[in-house]
């Protein structure tokens, strides 16, 4: 079950769901990379997995500072 909150603009947010989705996407990329033999595609999938992991880490870090944060601009999660 995800914790939800309301941001300052009155929008419903579920910040931990975003982290879970990022982690799920990273696992999916890793799973696909393990099944693909083409080195270029494999490398691209591994880079995508790494990016999802970095986004999840940034979101977790931000949530540890402000549990009610709802950041729509995920580029700011990379810290």
PDB file of N, CA and C in Angstrom:
ATOM      1  N   UNK A   1       0.851  -1.184   0.000  1.00  0.00           N
ATOM      2  CA  UNK A   1       0.000   0.000   0.000  1.00  0.00           C
ATOM      3  C   UNK A   1       0.892   1.241   0.000  1.00  0.00           C
ATOM      4  N   UNK A   2       0.547   2.199  -0.843  1.00  0.00           N
ATOM      5  CA  UNK A   2       1.336   3.413  -0.966  1.00  0.00           C
ATOM      6  C   UNK A   2       0.751   4.498  -0.086  1.00  0.00           C
ATOM      7  N   UNK A   3       1.671   5.291   0.489  1.00  0.00           N
ATOM      8  CA  UNK A   3       1.212   6.436   1.255  1.00  0.00           C
ATOM      9  C   UNK A   3       0.895   7.551   0.276  1.00  0.00           C
ATOM     10  N   UNK A   4      -0.196   8.215   0.492  1.00  0.00           N
ATOM     11  CA  UNK A   4      -0.500   9.345  -0.372  1.00  0.00           C
ATOM     12  C   UNK A   4      -0.615  10.595   0.469  1.00  0.00           C
ATOM     13  N   UNK A   5      -0.503  11.710  -0.187  1.00  0.00           N
ATOM     14  CA  UNK A   5      -0.583  13.000   0.487  1.00  0.00           C
ATOM     15  C   UNK A   5      -1.159  13.986  -0.518  1.00  0.00           C
ATOM     16  N   UNK A   6      -1.298  15.218  -0.094  1.00  0.00           N
ATOM     17  CA  UNK A   6      -1.761  16.278  -0.978  1.00  0.00           C
ATOM     18  C   UNK A   6      -0.680  17.340  -0.993  1.00  0.00           C
ATOM     19  N   UNK A   7      -0.279  17.761  -2.200  1.00  0.00           N
ATOM     20  CA  UNK A   7       0.762  18.774  -2.284  1.00  0.00           C
ATOM     21  C   UNK A   7       0.187  20.164  -2.037  1.00  0.00           C
ATOM     22  N   UNK A   8       1.028  21.168  -2.111  1.00  0.00           N
ATOM     23  CA  UNK A   8       0.598  22.534  -1.819  1.00  0.00           C
ATOM     24  C   UNK A   8      -0.430  23.054  -2.816  1.00  0.00           C
ATOM     25  N   UNK A   9      -0.526  22.416  -3.980  1.00  0.00           N
ATOM     26  CA  UNK A   9      -1.480  22.837  -4.999  1.00  0.00           C
ATOM     27  C   UNK A   9      -2.777  22.036  -4.930  1.00  0.00           C
ATOM     28  N   UNK A  10      -2.900  21.149  -3.936  1.00  0.00           N
ATOM     29  CA  UNK A  10      -4.108  20.364  -3.774  1.00  0.00           C
ATOM     30  C   UNK A  10      -4.150  19.100  -4.615  1.00  0.00           C
ATOM     31  N   UNK A  11      -3.034  18.757  -5.276  1.00  0.00           N
ATOM     32  CA  UNK A  11      -2.993  17.548  -6.092  1.00  0.00           C
ATOM     33  C   UNK A  11      -2.670  16.341  -5.227  1.00  0.00           C
ATOM     34  N   UNK A  12      -3.319  15.241  -5.507  1.00  0.00           N
ATOM     35  CA  UNK A  12      -3.024  14.002  -4.801  1.00  0.00           C
ATOM     36  C   UNK A  12      -1.671  13.472  -5.278  1.00  0.00           C
ATOM     37  N   UNK A  13      -0.849  13.039  -4.350  1.00  0.00           N
ATOM     38  CA  UNK A  13       0.479  12.536  -4.708  1.00  0.00           C
ATOM     39  C   UNK A  13       0.725  11.194  -4.033  1.00  0.00           C
ATOM     40  N   UNK A  14       1.483  10.364  -4.671  1.00  0.00           N
ATOM     41  CA  UNK A  14       1.913   9.094  -4.104  1.00  0.00           C
ATOM     42  C   UNK A  14       3.412   8.945  -4.395  1.00  0.00           C
ATOM     43  N   UNK A  15       4.240   9.675  -3.651  1.00  0.00           N
ATOM     44  CA  UNK A  15       5.661   9.735  -3.964  1.00  0.00           C
ATOM     45  C   UNK A  15       6.372   8.389  -3.955  1.00  0.00           C
ATOM     46  N   UNK A  16       6.029   7.492  -3.045  1.00  0.00           N
ATOM     47  CA  UNK A  16       6.718   6.210  -3.011  1.00  0.00           C
ATOM     48  C   UNK A  16       6.350   5.342  -4.211  1.00  0.00           C
ATOM     49  N   UNK A  17       5.183   5.544  -4.780  1.00  0.00           N
ATOM     50  CA  UNK A  17       4.806   4.799  -5.980  1.00  0.00           C
ATOM     51  C   UNK A  17       5.766   5.147  -7.122  1.00  0.00           C
ATOM     52  N   UNK A  18       6.160   6.405  -7.206  1.00  0.00           N
ATOM     53  CA  UNK A  18       7.088   6.829  -8.247  1.00  0.00           C
ATOM     54  C   UNK A  18       8.408   6.082  -8.096  1.00  0.00           C
ATOM     55  N   UNK A  19       8.918   5.968  -6.887  1.00  0.00           N
ATOM     56  CA  UNK A  19      10.156   5.234  -6.642  1.00  0.00           C
ATOM     57  C   UNK A  19       9.994   3.785  -7.082  1.00  0.00           C
ATOM     58  N   UNK A  20       8.894   3.172  -6.727  1.00  0.00           N
ATOM     59  CA  UNK A  20       8.638   1.782  -7.113  1.00  0.00           C
ATOM     60  C   UNK A  20       8.571   1.625  -8.620  1.00  0.00           C
ATOM     61  N   UNK A  21       7.958   2.580  -9.292  1.00  0.00           N
ATOM     62  CA  UNK A  21       7.872   2.522 -10.751  1.00  0.00           C
ATOM     63  C   UNK A  21       9.250   2.660 -11.382  1.00  0.00           C
ATOM     64  N   UNK A  22      10.076   3.553 -10.849  1.00  0.00           N
ATOM     65  CA  UNK A  22      11.438   3.712 -11.367  1.00  0.00           C
ATOM     66  C   UNK A  22      12.217   2.409 -11.190  1.00  0.00           C
ATOM     67  N   UNK A  23      12.097   1.810 -10.013  1.00  0.00           N
ATOM     68  CA  UNK A  23      12.811   0.556  -9.750  1.00  0.00           C
ATOM     69  C   UNK A  23      12.296  -0.571 -10.643  1.00  0.00           C
ATOM     70  N   UNK A  24      10.993  -0.602 -10.863  1.00  0.00           N
ATOM     71  CA  UNK A  24      10.396  -1.601 -11.756  1.00  0.00           C
ATOM     72  C   UNK A  24      10.943  -1.433 -13.178  1.00  0.00           C
ATOM     73  N   UNK A  25      11.014  -0.195 -13.651  1.00  0.00           N
ATOM     74  CA  UNK A  25      11.545   0.067 -14.987  1.00  0.00           C
ATOM     75  C   UNK A  25      13.006  -0.362 -15.102  1.00  0.00           C
ATOM     76  N   UNK A  26      13.783  -0.122 -14.064  1.00  0.00           N
ATOM     77  CA  UNK A  26      15.193  -0.545 -14.076  1.00  0.00           C
ATOM     78  C   UNK A  26      15.295  -2.059 -14.177  1.00  0.00           C
ATOM     79  N   UNK A  27      14.481  -2.767 -13.391  1.00  0.00           N
ATOM     80  CA  UNK A  27      14.501  -4.238 -13.449  1.00  0.00           C
ATOM     81  C   UNK A  27      14.085  -4.751 -14.819  1.00  0.00           C
ATOM     82  N   UNK A  28      13.095  -4.100 -15.429  1.00  0.00           N
ATOM     83  CA  UNK A  28      12.648  -4.510 -16.767  1.00  0.00           C
ATOM     84  C   UNK A  28      13.769  -4.325 -17.792  1.00  0.00           C
ATOM     85  N   UNK A  29      14.490  -3.220 -17.705  1.00  0.00           N
ATOM     86  CA  UNK A  29      15.611  -2.991 -18.619  1.00  0.00           C
ATOM     87  C   UNK A  29      16.698  -4.044 -18.422  1.00  0.00           C
ATOM     88  N   UNK A  30      17.002  -4.372 -17.172  1.00  0.00           N
ATOM     89  CA  UNK A  30      18.023  -5.385 -16.896  1.00  0.00           C
ATOM     90  C   UNK A  30      17.600  -6.753 -17.410  1.00  0.00           C
ATOM     91  N   UNK A  31      16.327  -7.068 -17.248  1.00  0.00           N
ATOM     92  CA  UNK A  31      15.814  -8.354 -17.716  1.00  0.00           C
ATOM     93  C   UNK A  31      15.920  -8.452 -19.245  1.00  0.00           C
ATOM     94  N   UNK A  32      15.535  -7.381 -19.931  1.00  0.00           N
ATOM     95  CA  UNK A  32      15.641  -7.366 -21.383  1.00  0.00           C
ATOM     96  C   UNK A  32      17.101  -7.437 -21.838  1.00  0.00           C
ATOM     97  N   UNK A  33      17.966  -6.718 -21.150  1.00  0.00           N
ATOM     98  CA  UNK A  33      19.389  -6.726 -21.512  1.00  0.00           C
ATOM     99  C   UNK A  33      19.971  -8.125 -21.397  1.00  0.00           C
ATOM    100  N   UNK A  34      19.510  -8.894 -20.423  1.00  0.00           N
ATOM    101  CA  UNK A  34      20.005 -10.255 -20.233  1.00  0.00           C
ATOM    102  C   UNK A  34      19.559 -11.176 -21.365  1.00  0.00           C
ATOM    103  N   UNK A  35      18.471 -10.836 -22.037  1.00  0.00           N
ATOM    104  CA  UNK A  35      17.930 -11.695 -23.090  1.00  0.00           C
ATOM    105  C   UNK A  35      18.416 -11.301 -24.488  1.00  0.00           C
ATOM    106  N   UNK A  36      19.009 -10.117 -24.616  1.00  0.00           N
ATOM    107  CA  UNK A  36      19.385  -9.606 -25.938  1.00  0.00           C
ATOM    108  C   UNK A  36      20.861  -9.871 -26.210  1.00  0.00           C
ATOM    109  N   UNK A  37      21.155 -10.335 -27.418  1.00  0.00           N
ATOM    110  CA  UNK A  37      22.549 -10.633 -27.759  1.00  0.00           C
ATOM    111  C   UNK A  37      23.241  -9.468 -28.460  1.00  0.00           C
ATOM    112  N   UNK A  38      22.476  -8.564 -29.063  1.00  0.00           N
ATOM    113  CA  UNK A  38      23.082  -7.429 -29.771  1.00  0.00           C
ATOM    114  C   UNK A  38      23.758  -6.495 -28.762  1.00  0.00           C
ATOM    115  N   UNK A  39      25.079  -6.314 -28.879  1.00  0.00           N
ATOM    116  CA  UNK A  39      25.807  -5.508 -27.887  1.00  0.00           C
ATOM    117  C   UNK A  39      25.335  -4.055 -27.792  1.00  0.00           C
ATOM    118  N   UNK A  40      24.958  -3.470 -28.918  1.00  0.00           N
ATOM    119  CA  UNK A  40      24.513  -2.076 -28.889  1.00  0.00           C
ATOM    120  C   UNK A  40      23.198  -1.940 -28.126  1.00  0.00           C
ATOM    121  N   UNK A  41      22.238  -2.819 -28.410  1.00  0.00           N
ATOM    122  CA  UNK A  41      20.960  -2.782 -27.697  1.00  0.00           C
ATOM    123  C   UNK A  41      21.157  -3.098 -26.216  1.00  0.00           C
ATOM    124  N   UNK A  42      22.021  -4.070 -25.938  1.00  0.00           N
ATOM    125  CA  UNK A  42      22.294  -4.434 -24.545  1.00  0.00           C
ATOM    126  C   UNK A  42      22.855  -3.234 -23.774  1.00  0.00           C
ATOM    127  N   UNK A  43      23.826  -2.555 -24.391  1.00  0.00           N
ATOM    128  CA  UNK A  43      24.431  -1.375 -23.761  1.00  0.00           C
ATOM    129  C   UNK A  43      23.394  -0.290 -23.514  1.00  0.00           C
ATOM    130  N   UNK A  44      22.536  -0.049 -24.514  1.00  0.00           N
ATOM    131  CA  UNK A  44      21.491   0.971 -24.347  1.00  0.00           C
ATOM    132  C   UNK A  44      20.542   0.617 -23.207  1.00  0.00           C
ATOM    133  N   UNK A  45      20.155  -0.643 -23.116  1.00  0.00           N
ATOM    134  CA  UNK A  45      19.262  -1.063 -22.031  1.00  0.00           C
ATOM    135  C   UNK A  45      19.939  -0.935 -20.670  1.00  0.00           C
ATOM    136  N   UNK A  46      21.219  -1.256 -20.597  1.00  0.00           N
ATOM    137  CA  UNK A  46      21.946  -1.113 -19.333  1.00  0.00           C
ATOM    138  C   UNK A  46      22.067   0.353 -18.929  1.00  0.00           C
ATOM    139  N   UNK A  47      22.255   1.230 -19.908  1.00  0.00           N
ATOM    140  CA  UNK A  47      22.288   2.669 -19.611  1.00  0.00           C
ATOM    141  C   UNK A  47      20.921   3.159 -19.126  1.00  0.00           C
ATOM    142  N   UNK A  48      19.860   2.656 -19.760  1.00  0.00           N
ATOM    143  CA  UNK A  48      18.510   3.035 -19.315  1.00  0.00           C
ATOM    144  C   UNK A  48      18.258   2.541 -17.896  1.00  0.00           C
ATOM    145  N   UNK A  49      18.670   1.318 -17.593  1.00  0.00           N
ATOM    146  CA  UNK A  49      18.496   0.784 -16.238  1.00  0.00           C
ATOM    147  C   UNK A  49      19.239   1.658 -15.236  1.00  0.00           C
ATOM    148  N   UNK A  50      20.449   2.048 -15.584  1.00  0.00           N
ATOM    149  CA  UNK A  50      21.248   2.905 -14.703  1.00  0.00           C
ATOM    150  C   UNK A  50      20.549   4.242 -14.468  1.00  0.00           C
ATOM    151  N   UNK A  51      19.964   4.796 -15.504  1.00  0.00           N
ATOM    152  CA  UNK A  51      19.247   6.068 -15.369  1.00  0.00           C
ATOM    153  C   UNK A  51      18.041   5.916 -14.452  1.00  0.00           C
ATOM    154  N   UNK A  52      17.267   4.836 -14.629  1.00  0.00           N
ATOM    155  CA  UNK A  52      16.115   4.601 -13.743  1.00  0.00           C
ATOM    156  C   UNK A  52      16.564   4.456 -12.294  1.00  0.00           C
ATOM    157  N   UNK A  53      17.677   3.766 -12.084  1.00  0.00           N
ATOM    158  CA  UNK A  53      18.198   3.583 -10.718  1.00  0.00           C
ATOM    159  C   UNK A  53      18.609   4.930 -10.124  1.00  0.00           C
ATOM    160  N   UNK A  54      19.274   5.760 -10.928  1.00  0.00           N
ATOM    161  CA  UNK A  54      19.670   7.091 -10.441  1.00  0.00           C
ATOM    162  C   UNK A  54      18.443   7.938 -10.102  1.00  0.00           C
ATOM    163  N   UNK A  55      17.402   7.860 -10.935  1.00  0.00           N
ATOM    164  CA  UNK A  55      16.180   8.610 -10.646  1.00  0.00           C
ATOM    165  C   UNK A  55      15.525   8.128  -9.354  1.00  0.00           C
ATOM    166  N   UNK A  56      15.476   6.812  -9.164  1.00  0.00           N
ATOM    167  CA  UNK A  56      14.903   6.261  -7.926  1.00  0.00           C
ATOM    168  C   UNK A  56      15.704   6.717  -6.718  1.00  0.00           C
ATOM    169  N   UNK A  57      17.029   6.674  -6.840  1.00  0.00           N
ATOM    170  CA  UNK A  57      17.884   7.100  -5.733  1.00  0.00           C
ATOM    171  C   UNK A  57      17.660   8.586  -5.408  1.00  0.00           C
ATOM    172  N   UNK A  58      17.585   9.408  -6.457  1.00  0.00           N
ATOM    173  CA  UNK A  58      17.354  10.842  -6.245  1.00  0.00           C
ATOM    174  C   UNK A  58      16.013  11.105  -5.589  1.00  0.00           C
ATOM    175  N   UNK A  59      14.983  10.369  -6.014  1.00  0.00           N
ATOM    176  CA  UNK A  59      13.648  10.546  -5.435  1.00  0.00           C
ATOM    177  C   UNK A  59      13.644  10.119  -3.979  1.00  0.00           C
ATOM    178  N   UNK A  60      14.291   8.969  -3.675  1.00  0.00           N
ATOM    179  CA  UNK A  60      14.362   8.508  -2.278  1.00  0.00           C
ATOM    180  C   UNK A  60      15.079   9.533  -1.411  1.00  0.00           C
ATOM    181  N   UNK A  61      16.160  10.081  -1.942  1.00  0.00           N
ATOM    182  CA  UNK A  61      16.932  11.082  -1.195  1.00  0.00           C
ATOM    183  C   UNK A  61      16.073  12.311  -0.919  1.00  0.00           C
ATOM    184  N   UNK A  62      15.349  12.751  -1.938  1.00  0.00           N
ATOM    185  CA  UNK A  62      14.490  13.922  -1.781  1.00  0.00           C
ATOM    186  C   UNK A  62      13.355  13.634  -0.796  1.00  0.00           C
ATOM    187  N   UNK A  63      12.769  12.435  -0.878  1.00  0.00           N
ATOM    188  CA  UNK A  63      11.691  12.072   0.040  1.00  0.00           C
ATOM    189  C   UNK A  63      12.177  11.961   1.477  1.00  0.00           C
ATOM    190  N   UNK A  64      13.433  11.554   1.661  1.00  0.00           N
ATOM    191  CA  UNK A  64      13.955  11.462   3.026  1.00  0.00           C
ATOM    192  C   UNK A  64      14.073  12.850   3.652  1.00  0.00           C
ATOM    193  N   UNK A  65      14.254  13.872   2.808  1.00  0.00           N
ATOM    194  CA  UNK A  65      14.324  15.245   3.296  1.00  0.00           C
ATOM    195  C   UNK A  65      12.940  15.861   3.461  1.00  0.00           C
ATOM    196  N   UNK A  66      12.010  15.509   2.541  1.00  0.00           N
ATOM    197  CA  UNK A  66      10.656  16.057   2.553  1.00  0.00           C
ATOM    198  C   UNK A  66       9.684  14.968   2.092  1.00  0.00           C
ATOM    199  N   UNK A  67       9.119  14.193   3.022  1.00  0.00           N
ATOM    200  CA  UNK A  67       8.248  13.073   2.671  1.00  0.00           C
ATOM    201  C   UNK A  67       7.023  13.435   1.845  1.00  0.00           C
ATOM    202  N   UNK A  68       6.612  14.680   1.845  1.00  0.00           N
ATOM    203  CA  UNK A  68       5.433  15.078   1.085  1.00  0.00           C
ATOM    204  C   UNK A  68       5.779  15.661  -0.274  1.00  0.00           C
ATOM    205  N   UNK A  69       7.062  15.605  -0.646  1.00  0.00           N
ATOM    206  CA  UNK A  69       7.446  16.202  -1.919  1.00  0.00           C
ATOM    207  C   UNK A  69       6.843  15.449  -3.087  1.00  0.00           C
ATOM    208  N   UNK A  70       6.441  16.195  -4.085  1.00  0.00           N
ATOM    209  CA  UNK A  70       5.914  15.631  -5.330  1.00  0.00           C
ATOM    210  C   UNK A  70       6.575  16.388  -6.461  1.00  0.00           C
ATOM    211  N   UNK A  71       7.664  15.863  -6.938  1.00  0.00           N
ATOM    212  CA  UNK A  71       8.425  16.531  -7.961  1.00  0.00           C
ATOM    213  C   UNK A  71       7.992  16.028  -9.324  1.00  0.00           C
ATOM    214  N   UNK A  72       7.463  16.922 -10.152  1.00  0.00           N
ATOM    215  CA  UNK A  72       7.050  16.539 -11.492  1.00  0.00           C
ATOM    216  C   UNK A  72       8.224  16.570 -12.455  1.00  0.00           C
ATOM    217  N   UNK A  73       9.228  17.365 -12.179  1.00  0.00           N
ATOM    218  CA  UNK A  73      10.384  17.462 -13.057  1.00  0.00           C
ATOM    219  C   UNK A  73      11.443  16.493 -12.560  1.00  0.00           C
ATOM    220  N   UNK A  74      11.439  15.271 -13.090  1.00  0.00           N
ATOM    221  CA  UNK A  74      12.324  14.232 -12.604  1.00  0.00           C
ATOM    222  C   UNK A  74      13.790  14.508 -12.894  1.00  0.00           C
ATOM    223  N   UNK A  75      14.084  15.422 -13.792  1.00  0.00           N
ATOM    224  CA  UNK A  75      15.475  15.760 -14.054  1.00  0.00           C
ATOM    225  C   UNK A  75      16.133  16.297 -12.798  1.00  0.00           C
ATOM    226  N   UNK A  76      15.350  16.900 -11.897  1.00  0.00           N
ATOM    227  CA  UNK A  76      15.915  17.437 -10.667  1.00  0.00           C
ATOM    228  C   UNK A  76      16.218  16.345  -9.656  1.00  0.00           C
ATOM    229  N   UNK A  77      15.752  15.114  -9.917  1.00  0.00           N
ATOM    230  CA  UNK A  77      16.017  14.015  -8.991  1.00  0.00           C
ATOM    231  C   UNK A  77      17.462  13.535  -9.074  1.00  0.00           C
ATOM    232  N   UNK A  78      18.136  13.791 -10.170  1.00  0.00           N
ATOM    233  CA  UNK A  78      19.497  13.325 -10.323  1.00  0.00           C
ATOM    234  C   UNK A  78      20.414  14.201  -9.496  1.00  0.00           C
ATOM    235  N   UNK A  79      20.895  13.658  -8.405  1.00  0.00           N
ATOM    236  CA  UNK A  79      21.780  14.427  -7.509  1.00  0.00           C
ATOM    237  C   UNK A  79      23.050  13.664  -7.284  1.00  0.00           C
TER     238      UNK A  79
END
